[in-house]
Each structure stands twice: as C-alpha cells, then as structure tokens.
C-alpha cells in the first residue's frame, strides 16, 4: 500500500509538472505545490485521486483508478483538518 501511494503521488506530481493549462511560473502552481507537500508530509492519503488544473482559478479532482464500494479515497489526519470554526 505504501509503495502504491508513493507511486500515485509521483504520478500526480509528474502530471502536474507536465500540465500546461497555466504557466509554470504562475503563483497558483507554487501555492498548490506547497499544499500538496504539506498534505503529504502531514500524513494525508489520496491514492485513488488525481488533481488537475483547467485554468489558474479552476482545478479538478478525478479518480486515478476504479473506486470500489467502501474504499477510502481520501484520508486527512485530524491535525490537518481545516474547518470554518478553526478559521474564526
């Protein structure tokens, strides 16, 4: 499972690097890269998901592989949860 997760992360990072829908030096790429690194280093897991840009202000989340009933597609540790209450 760990190897599959790392492979999916590398694949997602590669796709993002090759994505030319926004310029490589666009600030959104930096923000997204920072968030991606923060999620990964904090223990978030999303082995079945791919994230993609469409425009600088529009991103999408897609299935990377078939998702079976009952499968976890996103795990976010409690210490990484951001809620409206926390923001206030």
Protein backbone atom coordinates (compact mmCIF):
# COMPACT_ATOMS: atom_id res chain seq x y z
CA UNK A 1 0.00 0.00 0.00
CA UNK A 2 2.82 2.45 0.86
CA UNK A 3 4.54 1.79 -2.47
CA UNK A 4 1.25 2.26 -4.35
CA UNK A 5 0.64 5.53 -2.51
CA UNK A 6 4.15 6.81 -3.33
CA UNK A 7 3.73 5.76 -6.99
CA UNK A 8 0.43 7.63 -7.22
CA UNK A 9 1.97 10.72 -5.63
CA UNK A 10 4.88 10.66 -8.07
CA UNK A 11 2.44 10.19 -10.95
CA UNK A 12 0.29 13.11 -9.76
CA UNK A 13 3.34 15.35 -9.37
CA UNK A 14 4.55 14.37 -12.85
CA UNK A 15 1.15 15.12 -14.39
CA UNK A 16 1.04 18.46 -12.63
CA UNK A 17 4.53 19.34 -13.86
CA UNK A 18 3.53 18.47 -17.44
CA UNK A 19 0.22 20.31 -17.25
CA UNK A 20 0.46 23.41 -19.44
CA UNK A 21 -3.00 24.86 -18.75
CA UNK A 22 -1.29 27.55 -16.65
CA UNK A 23 2.28 28.89 -16.90
CA UNK A 24 4.99 27.13 -14.89
CA UNK A 25 5.81 30.35 -13.03
CA UNK A 26 2.19 31.11 -12.09
CA UNK A 27 1.73 31.76 -8.32
CA UNK A 28 -1.07 29.17 -8.16
CA UNK A 29 1.43 26.44 -9.03
CA UNK A 30 3.56 27.47 -6.06
CA UNK A 31 0.53 27.54 -3.72
CA UNK A 32 -0.67 24.18 -4.97
CA UNK A 33 2.79 22.64 -4.62
CA UNK A 34 3.03 23.94 -1.05
CA UNK A 35 -0.39 22.47 -0.20
CA UNK A 36 0.47 19.15 -1.88
CA UNK A 37 3.75 18.89 0.09
CA UNK A 38 2.00 19.87 3.35
CA UNK A 39 -0.70 17.24 2.84
CA UNK A 40 1.80 14.52 2.02
CA UNK A 41 4.20 15.32 4.86
CA UNK A 42 1.31 15.52 7.33
CA UNK A 43 0.04 12.05 6.55
CA UNK A 44 -2.88 12.76 4.21
CA UNK A 45 -3.53 9.94 1.76
CA UNK A 46 -5.31 10.13 -1.56
CA UNK A 47 -4.06 7.13 -3.55
CA UNK A 48 -7.06 7.00 -5.87
CA UNK A 49 -7.24 10.71 -6.73
CA UNK A 50 -5.61 12.97 -9.31
CA UNK A 51 -5.66 16.74 -9.12
CA UNK A 52 -5.60 18.78 -12.31
CA UNK A 53 -5.64 22.42 -13.41
CA UNK A 54 -8.05 23.70 -16.04
CA UNK A 55 -7.36 27.41 -15.61
CA UNK A 56 -5.46 29.42 -12.96
CA UNK A 57 -8.65 29.61 -10.89
CA UNK A 58 -10.18 26.24 -11.68
CA UNK A 59 -8.86 22.87 -10.52
CA UNK A 60 -10.46 19.47 -10.53
CA UNK A 61 -10.19 16.20 -8.65
CA UNK A 62 -10.51 13.00 -10.64
CA UNK A 63 -10.35 9.29 -9.96
CA UNK A 64 -6.95 7.83 -10.81
CA UNK A 65 -8.28 4.27 -10.81
CA UNK A 66 -11.51 2.38 -10.27
CA UNK A 67 -13.01 3.08 -6.86
CA UNK A 68 -14.73 0.15 -5.23
CA UNK A 69 -17.67 0.48 -2.87
CA UNK A 70 -16.48 1.15 0.69
CA UNK A 71 -12.95 2.15 -0.33
CA UNK A 72 -11.30 5.15 1.29
CA UNK A 73 -10.45 7.70 -1.37
CA UNK A 74 -9.22 10.49 0.89
CA UNK A 75 -7.75 10.35 4.38
CA UNK A 76 -6.94 13.59 6.20
CA UNK A 77 -5.43 13.34 9.70
CA UNK A 78 -7.24 15.34 12.37
CA UNK A 79 -4.26 17.68 12.80
CA UNK A 80 -4.64 18.72 9.14
CA UNK A 81 -8.36 19.41 9.16
CA UNK A 82 -9.29 23.00 8.43
CA UNK A 83 -12.81 23.97 9.43
CA UNK A 84 -14.75 27.22 9.48
CA UNK A 85 -14.73 27.15 13.29
CA UNK A 86 -10.95 26.87 13.30
CA UNK A 87 -10.62 29.81 10.93
CA UNK A 88 -12.72 32.01 13.20
